[in-house]
Amino acid sequence: MLNPPTPPPFPLYVRTALPADLERLAALRAGAAAWIARTHGSPQWSAPYDAEHGLALIARGVTAVAALEPDGAVIATVTLRPTVRSRLWTPEELARPARYFSRFTVDREHAGRGIGARLGDWARWRTALAGAQVLRANARSDNTALHAYYRAHGWRWVRTVPGSLSGALFERPASPVRPPEVHETGHRPLPP
């Protein structure tokens, strides 16, 4: 039996988050935390959303949001930083140009559509565009479901840092290939 042809990807619109998005970002986080706890038994993101830190990341221009239409409702978010806390990564790793992928959330209503994978591919392309070689992420050490998700989407497990709550480290090489049907919008440019 032949597999049906893969449908073309639907458009995804990515832009820099704005302060007006903060409430939506908090709601995405709360929805993800409830689902993770219910489905996987992990307390990841169970602490209250830190709005002050969220606004600081928005002000730095490192938080992006995604929608299905150019000015549509936010359905996903990711933060893509040029630096990270050095206690998780070795000095040799930190010397290699990288970008750091965090706060990655997709609205559960849109789960299973490949939005997360496409945002990951977009982040790899953005990483290459910035001249960095590798995209890195750290995950909660006990969230094995998230570890499996990362591995299934091409991330390589680096190690788990002993004694660190979020010390499961993953990375992927940067990619010069822009993901199809991922469009950058908005009036504020995304950082390289």
C-alpha atoms as a PDB file:
ATOM      1  CA  MET A   1       0.000   0.000   0.000  1.00  0.00           C
ATOM      2  CA  LEU A   2       1.348   3.406  -0.963  1.00  0.00           C
ATOM      3  CA  ASN A   3       1.598   6.182   1.582  1.00  0.00           C
ATOM      4  CA  PRO A   4      -0.548   9.208   0.756  1.00  0.00           C
ATOM      5  CA  PRO A   5       1.446  12.216  -0.440  1.00  0.00           C
ATOM      6  CA  THR A   6       2.562  14.589   2.283  1.00  0.00           C
ATOM      7  CA  PRO A   7       0.481  17.758   2.134  1.00  0.00           C
ATOM      8  CA  PRO A   8       2.408  20.963   1.568  1.00  0.00           C
ATOM      9  CA  PRO A   9       3.226  22.810   4.778  1.00  0.00           C
ATOM     10  CA  PHE A  10       0.737  25.431   5.851  1.00  0.00           C
ATOM     11  CA  PRO A  11       2.050  28.957   6.356  1.00  0.00           C
ATOM     12  CA  LEU A  12       3.448  29.871   9.755  1.00  0.00           C
ATOM     13  CA  TYR A  13       4.072  33.522  10.601  1.00  0.00           C
ATOM     14  CA  VAL A  14       6.801  34.375  13.113  1.00  0.00           C
ATOM     15  CA  ARG A  15       7.435  37.780  14.643  1.00  0.00           C
ATOM     16  CA  THR A  16       9.195  39.311  17.618  1.00  0.00           C
ATOM     17  CA  ALA A  17       7.007  39.262  20.716  1.00  0.00           C
ATOM     18  CA  LEU A  18       5.660  42.558  22.007  1.00  0.00           C
ATOM     19  CA  PRO A  19       4.708  43.588  25.567  1.00  0.00           C
ATOM     20  CA  ALA A  20       1.060  43.209  24.520  1.00  0.00           C
ATOM     21  CA  ASP A  21       1.751  39.470  24.016  1.00  0.00           C
ATOM     22  CA  LEU A  22       2.727  38.911  27.652  1.00  0.00           C
ATOM     23  CA  GLU A  23      -0.706  37.735  28.796  1.00  0.00           C
ATOM     24  CA  ARG A  24      -0.863  35.233  25.931  1.00  0.00           C
ATOM     25  CA  LEU A  25       2.642  33.966  26.725  1.00  0.00           C
ATOM     26  CA  ALA A  26       1.603  33.406  30.347  1.00  0.00           C
ATOM     27  CA  ALA A  27      -1.521  31.537  29.183  1.00  0.00           C
ATOM     28  CA  LEU A  28       0.519  29.336  26.830  1.00  0.00           C
ATOM     29  CA  ARG A  29       2.884  28.511  29.702  1.00  0.00           C
ATOM     30  CA  ALA A  30       0.002  27.709  32.085  1.00  0.00           C
ATOM     31  CA  GLY A  31      -1.666  25.458  29.508  1.00  0.00           C
ATOM     32  CA  ALA A  32       1.584  23.637  28.798  1.00  0.00           C
ATOM     33  CA  ALA A  33       2.330  23.200  32.511  1.00  0.00           C
ATOM     34  CA  ALA A  34      -1.108  21.692  33.155  1.00  0.00           C
ATOM     35  CA  TRP A  35      -0.771  19.319  30.199  1.00  0.00           C
ATOM     36  CA  ILE A  36       2.776  18.255  31.175  1.00  0.00           C
ATOM     37  CA  ALA A  37       1.686  17.551  34.757  1.00  0.00           C
ATOM     38  CA  ARG A  38      -1.453  15.664  33.683  1.00  0.00           C
ATOM     39  CA  THR A  39       0.128  13.675  30.858  1.00  0.00           C
ATOM     40  CA  HIS A  40       3.706  13.149  31.996  1.00  0.00           C
ATOM     41  CA  GLY A  41       3.650  13.767  35.736  1.00  0.00           C
ATOM     42  CA  SER A  42       6.354  16.410  35.507  1.00  0.00           C
ATOM     43  CA  PRO A  43       6.173  19.646  37.510  1.00  0.00           C
ATOM     44  CA  GLN A  44       7.894  21.535  34.686  1.00  0.00           C
ATOM     45  CA  TRP A  45       6.736  25.157  34.581  1.00  0.00           C
ATOM     46  CA  SER A  46       4.563  24.692  37.661  1.00  0.00           C
ATOM     47  CA  ALA A  47       6.029  27.854  39.228  1.00  0.00           C
ATOM     48  CA  PRO A  48       4.078  31.036  38.450  1.00  0.00           C
ATOM     49  CA  TYR A  49       4.997  32.744  35.192  1.00  0.00           C
ATOM     50  CA  ASP A  50       7.583  35.454  35.843  1.00  0.00           C
ATOM     51  CA  ALA A  51       6.078  38.406  33.963  1.00  0.00           C
ATOM     52  CA  GLU A  52       9.013  40.691  34.784  1.00  0.00           C
ATOM     53  CA  HIS A  53      11.493  38.247  33.252  1.00  0.00           C
ATOM     54  CA  GLY A  54       9.147  37.687  30.292  1.00  0.00           C
ATOM     55  CA  LEU A  55       9.037  41.442  29.647  1.00  0.00           C
ATOM     56  CA  ALA A  56      12.835  41.664  29.915  1.00  0.00           C
ATOM     57  CA  LEU A  57      13.214  38.968  27.241  1.00  0.00           C
ATOM     58  CA  ILE A  58      10.673  40.754  25.039  1.00  0.00           C
ATOM     59  CA  ALA A  59      12.578  44.038  25.492  1.00  0.00           C
ATOM     60  CA  ARG A  60      15.794  42.288  24.401  1.00  0.00           C
ATOM     61  CA  GLY A  61      14.011  41.102  21.256  1.00  0.00           C
ATOM     62  CA  VAL A  62      14.811  37.416  21.815  1.00  0.00           C
ATOM     63  CA  THR A  63      11.268  36.068  22.231  1.00  0.00           C
ATOM     64  CA  ALA A  64       9.369  35.195  19.079  1.00  0.00           C
ATOM     65  CA  VAL A  65       5.725  34.242  18.621  1.00  0.00           C
ATOM     66  CA  ALA A  66       4.048  32.321  15.827  1.00  0.00           C
ATOM     67  CA  ALA A  67       0.593  32.485  14.257  1.00  0.00           C
ATOM     68  CA  LEU A  68      -1.237  30.822  11.376  1.00  0.00           C
ATOM     69  CA  GLU A  69      -2.082  34.161   9.744  1.00  0.00           C
ATOM     70  CA  PRO A  70       0.023  37.330   9.363  1.00  0.00           C
ATOM     71  CA  ASP A  71      -1.792  39.149  12.181  1.00  0.00           C
ATOM     72  CA  GLY A  72      -3.377  36.062  13.710  1.00  0.00           C
ATOM     73  CA  ALA A  73      -3.648  34.815  17.251  1.00  0.00           C
ATOM     74  CA  VAL A  74      -0.412  33.655  18.866  1.00  0.00           C
ATOM     75  CA  ILE A  75      -0.296  29.841  18.926  1.00  0.00           C
ATOM     76  CA  ALA A  76       3.351  29.244  19.851  1.00  0.00           C
ATOM     77  CA  THR A  77       6.418  30.921  21.257  1.00  0.00           C
ATOM     78  CA  VAL A  78      10.140  30.366  21.570  1.00  0.00           C
ATOM     79  CA  THR A  79      13.025  32.360  22.989  1.00  0.00           C
ATOM     80  CA  LEU A  80      16.263  32.294  21.023  1.00  0.00           C
ATOM     81  CA  ARG A  81      19.187  33.826  22.929  1.00  0.00           C
ATOM     82  CA  PRO A  82      22.808  34.465  21.961  1.00  0.00           C
ATOM     83  CA  THR A  83      24.035  33.701  25.504  1.00  0.00           C
ATOM     84  CA  VAL A  84      23.097  31.467  28.407  1.00  0.00           C
ATOM     85  CA  ARG A  85      24.109  30.721  31.991  1.00  0.00           C
ATOM     86  CA  SER A  86      27.544  29.181  31.783  1.00  0.00           C
ATOM     87  CA  ARG A  87      27.189  26.701  34.650  1.00  0.00           C
ATOM     88  CA  LEU A  88      25.499  24.106  32.416  1.00  0.00           C
ATOM     89  CA  TRP A  89      27.845  24.270  29.431  1.00  0.00           C
ATOM     90  CA  THR A  90      31.612  23.783  29.546  1.00  0.00           C
ATOM     91  CA  PRO A  91      34.025  26.603  28.622  1.00  0.00           C
ATOM     92  CA  GLU A  92      34.896  24.682  25.443  1.00  0.00           C
ATOM     93  CA  GLU A  93      31.211  24.442  24.492  1.00  0.00           C
ATOM     94  CA  LEU A  94      30.626  28.106  25.265  1.00  0.00           C
ATOM     95  CA  ALA A  95      33.550  29.048  23.014  1.00  0.00           C
ATOM     96  CA  ARG A  96      31.686  27.577  20.024  1.00  0.00           C
ATOM     97  CA  PRO A  97      29.231  30.114  18.505  1.00  0.00           C
ATOM     98  CA  ALA A  98      25.714  29.019  19.438  1.00  0.00           C
ATOM     99  CA  ARG A  99      22.144  30.115  20.017  1.00  0.00           C
ATOM    100  CA  TYR A 100      20.068  28.910  22.941  1.00  0.00           C
ATOM    101  CA  PHE A 101      16.491  27.677  22.458  1.00  0.00           C
ATOM    102  CA  SER A 102      14.146  28.021  25.451  1.00  0.00           C
ATOM    103  CA  ARG A 103      10.620  28.764  26.659  1.00  0.00           C
ATOM    104  CA  PHE A 104       9.341  26.757  23.694  1.00  0.00           C
ATOM    105  CA  THR A 105       5.561  26.319  23.877  1.00  0.00           C
ATOM    106  CA  VAL A 106       2.838  25.362  21.403  1.00  0.00           C
ATOM    107  CA  ASP A 107      -0.849  25.813  22.224  1.00  0.00           C
ATOM    108  CA  ARG A 108      -2.226  22.327  22.940  1.00  0.00           C
ATOM    109  CA  GLU A 109      -5.131  23.066  20.576  1.00  0.00           C
ATOM    110  CA  HIS A 110      -2.580  23.028  17.740  1.00  0.00           C
ATOM    111  CA  ALA A 111      -0.488  20.091  18.981  1.00  0.00           C
ATOM    112  CA  GLY A 112       0.428  17.367  16.519  1.00  0.00           C
ATOM    113  CA  ARG A 113       0.505  19.655  13.476  1.00  0.00           C
ATOM    114  CA  GLY A 114       4.282  19.965  13.303  1.00  0.00           C
ATOM    115  CA  ILE A 115       4.354  23.565  14.511  1.00  0.00           C
ATOM    116  CA  GLY A 116       7.024  22.812  17.112  1.00  0.00           C
ATOM    117  CA  ALA A 117       9.208  21.030  14.583  1.00  0.00           C
ATOM    118  CA  ARG A 118       8.890  23.950  12.186  1.00  0.00           C
ATOM    119  CA  LEU A 119       9.788  26.460  14.901  1.00  0.00           C
ATOM    120  CA  GLY A 120      12.812  24.308  15.688  1.00  0.00           C
ATOM    121  CA  ASP A 121      13.821  24.370  12.021  1.00  0.00           C
ATOM    122  CA  TRP A 122      13.265  28.129  11.935  1.00  0.00           C
ATOM    123  CA  ALA A 123      15.518  28.487  15.008  1.00  0.00           C
ATOM    124  CA  ARG A 124      18.236  26.386  13.302  1.00  0.00           C
ATOM    125  CA  TRP A 125      18.052  28.659  10.257  1.00  0.00           C
ATOM    126  CA  ARG A 126      18.122  31.780  12.468  1.00  0.00           C
ATOM    127  CA  THR A 127      21.142  30.316  14.273  1.00  0.00           C
ATOM    128  CA  ALA A 128      23.015  29.901  10.991  1.00  0.00           C
ATOM    129  CA  LEU A 129      21.941  33.383   9.885  1.00  0.00           C
ATOM    130  CA  ALA A 130      23.583  34.756  13.045  1.00  0.00           C
ATOM    131  CA  GLY A 131      26.836  33.006  12.168  1.00  0.00           C
ATOM    132  CA  ALA A 132      26.490  30.456  14.968  1.00  0.00           C
ATOM    133  CA  GLN A 133      27.225  26.771  14.455  1.00  0.00           C
ATOM    134  CA  VAL A 134      24.894  25.050  16.871  1.00  0.00           C
ATOM    135  CA  LEU A 135      21.451  25.421  18.454  1.00  0.00           C
ATOM    136  CA  ARG A 136      21.325  24.336  22.094  1.00  0.00           C
ATOM    137  CA  ALA A 137      18.606  23.640  24.628  1.00  0.00           C
ATOM    138  CA  ASN A 138      18.432  22.525  28.200  1.00  0.00           C
ATOM    139  CA  ALA A 139      15.428  20.688  29.562  1.00  0.00           C
ATOM    140  CA  ARG A 140      14.184  19.682  32.956  1.00  0.00           C
ATOM    141  CA  SER A 141      16.248  16.664  33.948  1.00  0.00           C
ATOM    142  CA  ASP A 142      13.226  14.537  34.935  1.00  0.00           C
ATOM    143  CA  ASN A 143      11.024  15.359  31.931  1.00  0.00           C
ATOM    144  CA  THR A 144      11.836  12.272  29.887  1.00  0.00           C
ATOM    145  CA  ALA A 145       8.899  12.921  27.541  1.00  0.00           C
ATOM    146  CA  LEU A 146      10.492  16.210  26.476  1.00  0.00           C
ATOM    147  CA  HIS A 147      13.846  14.460  26.073  1.00  0.00           C
ATOM    148  CA  ALA A 148      12.170  11.945  23.757  1.00  0.00           C
ATOM    149  CA  TYR A 149      10.525  14.789  21.795  1.00  0.00           C
ATOM    150  CA  TYR A 150      13.867  16.499  21.276  1.00  0.00           C
ATOM    151  CA  ARG A 151      15.544  13.271  20.170  1.00  0.00           C
ATOM    152  CA  ALA A 152      12.698  12.466  17.776  1.00  0.00           C
ATOM    153  CA  HIS A 153      13.175  15.895  16.184  1.00  0.00           C
ATOM    154  CA  GLY A 154      16.889  15.593  15.520  1.00  0.00           C
ATOM    155  CA  TRP A 155      18.359  16.943  18.742  1.00  0.00           C
ATOM    156  CA  ARG A 156      21.410  15.142  20.119  1.00  0.00           C
ATOM    157  CA  TRP A 157      21.591  14.544  23.850  1.00  0.00           C
ATOM    158  CA  VAL A 158      24.871  15.986  25.136  1.00  0.00           C
ATOM    159  CA  ARG A 159      24.677  15.044  28.837  1.00  0.00           C
ATOM    160  CA  THR A 160      22.683  15.598  31.989  1.00  0.00           C
ATOM    161  CA  VAL A 161      24.384  17.869  34.507  1.00  0.00           C
ATOM    162  CA  PRO A 162      24.278  16.213  37.943  1.00  0.00           C
ATOM    163  CA  GLY A 163      22.340  18.141  40.568  1.00  0.00           C
ATOM    164  CA  SER A 164      20.740  20.534  38.068  1.00  0.00           C
ATOM    165  CA  LEU A 165      16.955  20.665  37.891  1.00  0.00           C
ATOM    166  CA  SER A 166      17.101  21.667  34.207  1.00  0.00           C
ATOM    167  CA  GLY A 167      20.373  20.055  33.289  1.00  0.00           C
ATOM    168  CA  ALA A 168      19.449  17.763  30.384  1.00  0.00           C
ATOM    169  CA  LEU A 169      21.438  19.306  27.527  1.00  0.00           C
ATOM    170  CA  PHE A 170      20.639  18.912  23.834  1.00  0.00           C
ATOM    171  CA  GLU A 171      21.947  20.427  20.611  1.00  0.00           C
ATOM    172  CA  ARG A 172      21.408  20.489  16.851  1.00  0.00           C
ATOM    173  CA  PRO A 173      23.608  21.881  14.114  1.00  0.00           C
ATOM    174  CA  ALA A 174      22.612  25.203  12.603  1.00  0.00           C
ATOM    175  CA  SER A 175      21.087  25.003   9.131  1.00  0.00           C
ATOM    176  CA  PRO A 176      21.395  27.483   6.260  1.00  0.00           C
ATOM    177  CA  VAL A 177      18.085  26.203   4.839  1.00  0.00           C
ATOM    178  CA  ARG A 178      15.126  28.461   5.516  1.00  0.00           C
ATOM    179  CA  PRO A 179      12.074  26.334   6.382  1.00  0.00           C
ATOM    180  CA  PRO A 180       9.399  26.441   3.692  1.00  0.00           C
ATOM    181  CA  GLU A 181       6.282  28.439   4.420  1.00  0.00           C
ATOM    182  CA  VAL A 182       7.702  30.087   7.548  1.00  0.00           C
ATOM    183  CA  HIS A 183       7.378  33.833   7.116  1.00  0.00           C
ATOM    184  CA  GLU A 184       8.759  36.561   9.349  1.00  0.00           C
ATOM    185  CA  THR A 185       6.373  39.450   9.935  1.00  0.00           C
ATOM    186  CA  GLY A 186       6.008  42.392  12.261  1.00  0.00           C
ATOM    187  CA  HIS A 187       7.409  45.881  12.469  1.00  0.00           C
ATOM    188  CA  ARG A 188      10.256  45.042  14.825  1.00  0.00           C
ATOM    189  CA  PRO A 189      13.057  43.017  13.235  1.00  0.00           C
ATOM    190  CA  LEU A 190      14.032  39.715  14.741  1.00  0.00           C
ATOM    191  CA  PRO A 191      17.615  39.581  16.000  1.00  0.00           C
ATOM    192  CA  PRO A 192      20.201  37.751  13.917  1.00  0.00           C
END
